[in-house]
Amino acid sequence: MISKTLYIYYESRDRVRGGKVWWKPHVKRVYVSGTVVRVVRGTFTNRYGRRVHGLKIVYENPRRAFIAEREGKRYKVRRAIVEVTKIVELPEDARNVRIHTRKS
């Protein structure tokens, strides 16, 4: 899939009236600007250095060739495929985690 909005569906425990705890559905929307390579669930360090529980989405972004200029020198940079990682935080008690490409 290329440039997609992913909908991450999961259930987590929420407090409801009367002090009870119920499993309720939740959805997180995540934009991925490339081709998804893999999705892993666990505890990870996010980009700010905090340990969070959730999904690690790894995807590839194609990069065009271009000419860079530094201090009067010109360089040709070849086209490449860049691997990007995005961490989506989920509650630790999340269950029934599914990824959809459409709202449903």
C-alpha atoms as a PDB file:
ATOM      1  CA  MET A   1       0.000   0.000   0.000  1.00  0.00           C
ATOM      2  CA  ILE A   2       1.261   3.460  -0.885  1.00  0.00           C
ATOM      3  CA  SER A   3       0.306   6.710   0.906  1.00  0.00           C
ATOM      4  CA  LYS A   4      -2.553   5.412   2.961  1.00  0.00           C
ATOM      5  CA  THR A   5      -4.449   6.390   6.036  1.00  0.00           C
ATOM      6  CA  LEU A   6      -4.468   3.426   8.404  1.00  0.00           C
ATOM      7  CA  TYR A   7      -7.187   2.964  10.992  1.00  0.00           C
ATOM      8  CA  ILE A   8      -5.984   1.074  14.062  1.00  0.00           C
ATOM      9  CA  TYR A   9      -8.939  -0.508  15.840  1.00  0.00           C
ATOM     10  CA  TYR A  10      -8.519  -1.804  19.399  1.00  0.00           C
ATOM     11  CA  GLU A  11     -10.471  -2.407  22.589  1.00  0.00           C
ATOM     12  CA  SER A  12      -9.387  -1.134  25.995  1.00  0.00           C
ATOM     13  CA  ARG A  13     -10.887  -0.978  29.452  1.00  0.00           C
ATOM     14  CA  ASP A  14     -12.797   2.233  30.230  1.00  0.00           C
ATOM     15  CA  ARG A  15     -14.609   3.371  33.329  1.00  0.00           C
ATOM     16  CA  VAL A  16     -18.354   3.781  32.897  1.00  0.00           C
ATOM     17  CA  ARG A  17     -21.154   4.954  35.149  1.00  0.00           C
ATOM     18  CA  GLY A  18     -21.417   3.258  38.495  1.00  0.00           C
ATOM     19  CA  GLY A  19     -17.646   2.698  38.771  1.00  0.00           C
ATOM     20  CA  LYS A  20     -17.754  -0.305  36.455  1.00  0.00           C
ATOM     21  CA  VAL A  21     -15.058  -1.095  33.911  1.00  0.00           C
ATOM     22  CA  TRP A  22     -16.013  -2.175  30.389  1.00  0.00           C
ATOM     23  CA  TRP A  23     -14.092  -3.073  27.256  1.00  0.00           C
ATOM     24  CA  LYS A  24     -14.849  -0.316  24.747  1.00  0.00           C
ATOM     25  CA  PRO A  25     -13.744   0.032  21.107  1.00  0.00           C
ATOM     26  CA  HIS A  26     -11.336   2.794  20.054  1.00  0.00           C
ATOM     27  CA  VAL A  27      -9.849   3.841  16.700  1.00  0.00           C
ATOM     28  CA  LYS A  28      -6.621   5.730  15.958  1.00  0.00           C
ATOM     29  CA  ARG A  29      -5.972   7.204  12.531  1.00  0.00           C
ATOM     30  CA  VAL A  30      -2.381   7.127  11.245  1.00  0.00           C
ATOM     31  CA  TYR A  31      -1.061   8.494   7.941  1.00  0.00           C
ATOM     32  CA  VAL A  32       1.666   6.451   6.245  1.00  0.00           C
ATOM     33  CA  SER A  33       3.398   8.096   3.283  1.00  0.00           C
ATOM     34  CA  GLY A  34       4.867   4.980   1.742  1.00  0.00           C
ATOM     35  CA  THR A  35       4.691   1.210   1.473  1.00  0.00           C
ATOM     36  CA  VAL A  36       4.211  -0.629   4.776  1.00  0.00           C
ATOM     37  CA  VAL A  37       6.939  -3.227   5.317  1.00  0.00           C
ATOM     38  CA  ARG A  38       6.085  -4.591   8.764  1.00  0.00           C
ATOM     39  CA  VAL A  39       4.041  -3.928  11.884  1.00  0.00           C
ATOM     40  CA  VAL A  40       5.229  -5.096  15.321  1.00  0.00           C
ATOM     41  CA  ARG A  41       3.427  -4.867  18.673  1.00  0.00           C
ATOM     42  CA  GLY A  42       5.401  -4.331  21.895  1.00  0.00           C
ATOM     43  CA  THR A  43       7.176  -1.740  24.046  1.00  0.00           C
ATOM     44  CA  PHE A  44       9.423   0.709  22.184  1.00  0.00           C
ATOM     45  CA  THR A  45      11.347   3.953  22.674  1.00  0.00           C
ATOM     46  CA  ASN A  46       9.595   6.758  20.815  1.00  0.00           C
ATOM     47  CA  ARG A  47      11.342   9.652  19.075  1.00  0.00           C
ATOM     48  CA  TYR A  48      11.396  11.666  22.318  1.00  0.00           C
ATOM     49  CA  GLY A  49      13.128   8.913  24.310  1.00  0.00           C
ATOM     50  CA  ARG A  50      10.078   7.755  26.264  1.00  0.00           C
ATOM     51  CA  ARG A  51       9.267   4.042  26.583  1.00  0.00           C
ATOM     52  CA  VAL A  52       5.753   3.454  25.238  1.00  0.00           C
ATOM     53  CA  HIS A  53       3.585   0.435  24.525  1.00  0.00           C
ATOM     54  CA  GLY A  54       2.005   0.169  21.094  1.00  0.00           C
ATOM     55  CA  LEU A  55       2.637  -0.585  17.439  1.00  0.00           C
ATOM     56  CA  LYS A  56       5.834  -0.011  15.489  1.00  0.00           C
ATOM     57  CA  ILE A  57       4.991   0.629  11.839  1.00  0.00           C
ATOM     58  CA  VAL A  58       7.937   0.421   9.440  1.00  0.00           C
ATOM     59  CA  TYR A  59       7.423   1.685   5.895  1.00  0.00           C
ATOM     60  CA  GLU A  60       9.510   2.635   2.862  1.00  0.00           C
ATOM     61  CA  ASN A  61       9.490   6.051   1.193  1.00  0.00           C
ATOM     62  CA  PRO A  62      10.993   6.483  -2.272  1.00  0.00           C
ATOM     63  CA  ARG A  63      13.293   9.506  -2.676  1.00  0.00           C
ATOM     64  CA  ARG A  64      14.014  11.140  -6.027  1.00  0.00           C
ATOM     65  CA  ALA A  65      17.494  11.882  -7.311  1.00  0.00           C
ATOM     66  CA  PHE A  66      18.591  15.490  -6.839  1.00  0.00           C
ATOM     67  CA  ILE A  67      21.625  17.774  -6.976  1.00  0.00           C
ATOM     68  CA  ALA A  68      22.879  19.127  -3.645  1.00  0.00           C
ATOM     69  CA  GLU A  69      25.154  22.140  -3.351  1.00  0.00           C
ATOM     70  CA  ARG A  70      27.438  22.833  -0.387  1.00  0.00           C
ATOM     71  CA  GLU A  71      30.210  25.407  -0.185  1.00  0.00           C
ATOM     72  CA  GLY A  72      30.317  25.814  -3.950  1.00  0.00           C
ATOM     73  CA  LYS A  73      30.512  22.081  -4.694  1.00  0.00           C
ATOM     74  CA  ARG A  74      27.713  20.215  -6.423  1.00  0.00           C
ATOM     75  CA  TYR A  75      26.862  16.615  -5.622  1.00  0.00           C
ATOM     76  CA  LYS A  76      24.559  14.208  -7.377  1.00  0.00           C
ATOM     77  CA  VAL A  77      22.436  12.262  -4.925  1.00  0.00           C
ATOM     78  CA  ARG A  78      20.982   9.079  -6.361  1.00  0.00           C
ATOM     79  CA  ARG A  79      17.411   8.029  -5.902  1.00  0.00           C
ATOM     80  CA  ALA A  80      16.879   5.728  -2.945  1.00  0.00           C
ATOM     81  CA  ILE A  81      14.286   4.023  -0.808  1.00  0.00           C
ATOM     82  CA  VAL A  82      14.318   5.354   2.757  1.00  0.00           C
ATOM     83  CA  GLU A  83      13.002   3.216   5.619  1.00  0.00           C
ATOM     84  CA  VAL A  84      10.855   5.190   8.080  1.00  0.00           C
ATOM     85  CA  THR A  85       9.606   4.078  11.513  1.00  0.00           C
ATOM     86  CA  LYS A  86       6.479   5.373  13.203  1.00  0.00           C
ATOM     87  CA  ILE A  87       5.416   4.353  16.722  1.00  0.00           C
ATOM     88  CA  VAL A  88       1.718   4.504  17.586  1.00  0.00           C
ATOM     89  CA  GLU A  89       1.028   4.499  21.316  1.00  0.00           C
ATOM     90  CA  LEU A  90      -1.673   2.119  22.580  1.00  0.00           C
ATOM     91  CA  PRO A  91      -2.760   1.199  26.115  1.00  0.00           C
ATOM     92  CA  GLU A  92      -0.998  -1.837  27.568  1.00  0.00           C
ATOM     93  CA  ASP A  93      -4.305  -3.608  28.116  1.00  0.00           C
ATOM     94  CA  ALA A  94      -5.364  -3.130  24.467  1.00  0.00           C
ATOM     95  CA  ARG A  95      -6.800  -6.263  22.927  1.00  0.00           C
ATOM     96  CA  ASN A  96      -8.214  -7.245  19.553  1.00  0.00           C
ATOM     97  CA  VAL A  97      -5.834  -4.865  17.721  1.00  0.00           C
ATOM     98  CA  ARG A  98      -6.553  -4.712  13.989  1.00  0.00           C
ATOM     99  CA  ILE A  99      -5.413  -2.460  11.148  1.00  0.00           C
ATOM    100  CA  HIS A 100      -7.846  -1.358   8.437  1.00  0.00           C
ATOM    101  CA  THR A 101      -7.356   0.837   5.374  1.00  0.00           C
ATOM    102  CA  ARG A 102     -10.968   2.045   5.371  1.00  0.00           C
ATOM    103  CA  LYS A 103     -13.277   3.387   8.047  1.00  0.00           C
ATOM    104  CA  SER A 104     -15.488   0.531   9.142  1.00  0.00           C
END
